Amino acid sequence: MFHFHVDDAEYMAMEDEYEVEDVDDDLDEEFRARDAGSDSDVDEYDYMSNKIADTSAADARSGKDIQGIPWDRLSITREKYRQTRLEQYKNYENIPQSGESSKKDCKITSKGGLYYEFRRNSRSVKSTILHFQLRNLVWATTNHDVYLMSHFSVVHWSSLTCSKTDVLDVSGHVAPTEKHPGSLLEGFSQTQVSTLAVKDNLLVAGGFQGELICKHLDRPGVSFCTRTTYDDNAITTAIEIYVGPSGAVCFTTSNNDSGVRIFDMEKYQFSKNFHFPWPVNHTSLSPDAKLLTVVGDNPEGMLVDANTGKTVMPLCGHLDFSFASAWHPDGVTFATGNQDKTCRIWDVRNPSKALAVLKGNLGAIRSIRYTSDGKYMAMAEPADFVHVYDAKNGYEKEQEIDFFGEISGVSFSPDTEALYIGVWDRTYGSLLEYGRCRNYSYLDSFI
């Protein structure tokens, strides 16, 4: 992966160079210029309450843009702006023309599926990212509880009360309040959080210098701090929390030093440490905890024995570096996402060739999630598009969720009823909430 340390200003410069044209700035400037002379009762802000105006399902049904963008006051239509984005967006590639070359393998899917309906856009919570290739910074733990990075804090957002709470502030000094063998009691200062995972009351934040900060959400303070590595390329690229075969809570970490480590939270220590030939950008564990999908700075991924770290089978087909993976709950199929703009579906019984190749619109597939019942899969591009597929019916049909802004993460709630999408944008940054379509969808007017 591309390795660097940045502050917000430097990141924006990187984003402009590698990801998008200045069309976003043009839109922002035009909005500000036109808004200066506006006497509209409905503006970007609700001035009566001094709060940023959110968008509800009822607002969207009445014709309001889900992000609150005032297209009627701009000289460009939404359709024209979408066309411009599609033409000008620059996908970051490590291998030139990988996105173009992958087109021939892609499955033709039927668009128009409606699996999750827009419920709310919450602009008072700002979802942010720090590294343009890492987008796993949003985690839903219930239908209405979401954890995400907002600048230099992990925040909790409640969609019931529309309120946010700081859970872990990493802008200053963070040190553990509990004593465990191997814990760095001196803690860390000004941690740059590159990846995040939250599950079963455990929050683990990974940093640019191999930092790991573990916090139990039902306890005060931080429980444990450690470093995975002191290597110069120490970026923690991905974390996955799971319950191990013994019943202990564990998590895996992927790092840019080519390592994958398994940590046992019962003993508060690393139990396994695997090394691979290239920097690892993402790993995901099979439901039975026997196999690891490992992807990174190589077009080929690996299916690995989770106990020994030995390669079971190479995964051949992608044309660039991969940054996402996920297992279907059935333990038979899994998915990988790549900078060649594709998501490939594999069958563990015959992983010599992908079952299906799904294509993005703008760029790399940087995050993949399955619902816990295995019915749907969501794949997120770097910006503007999240695709939801009917995984139970061969990925033949998809719902395309369309908005504007960089994506910081995508997460289904454990009960599958909600889908959350973090949007990072200087003006329209927010958290999008979608609800699973049911026969009782008319009740959303009461949500």
Foldseek 3Di string as FASTA:
>chain_A
DDADDDAPVVVVVVCCVAWFPCVQVVLVVQLVVLVVPDPDCDAQDNVVVRGGDKAFLVNVVVPADNLRRPQVSGPDHPVRVVVVRLVTTHFHFPDPCLLVVQVVFADDFAEDDCFWFFGMWQQRAFADAGDLQAFAFWEAAAQFWIWGDDRQFTWIAGPVVRDIDTDGGQQAFAAAPADAPQFDRRGDTRFAFHHWDDYDQWIWTAGQQQKIWIDRNVDPGTHGIHGPDRDPQFGFQYKDWDQAPVRFIKMWTFTQQQKIWIATPVRRGTDDIEGDPGGWRDWEAFPNRQWIWTFFQDQKTFIAGNVPRHGPDIQDDRDGGWREKADQNVRFKIWTKFFSQWIFIAGPVDRNYTPHIHGDRRGTFHYKDAANVRQWIWTDGQFFWIWIARRVVPRNYIYIHGDGAGWNHWYAHNVRQKIWTFGHDPSSGTIIIIGTDDPVVVCSVVD
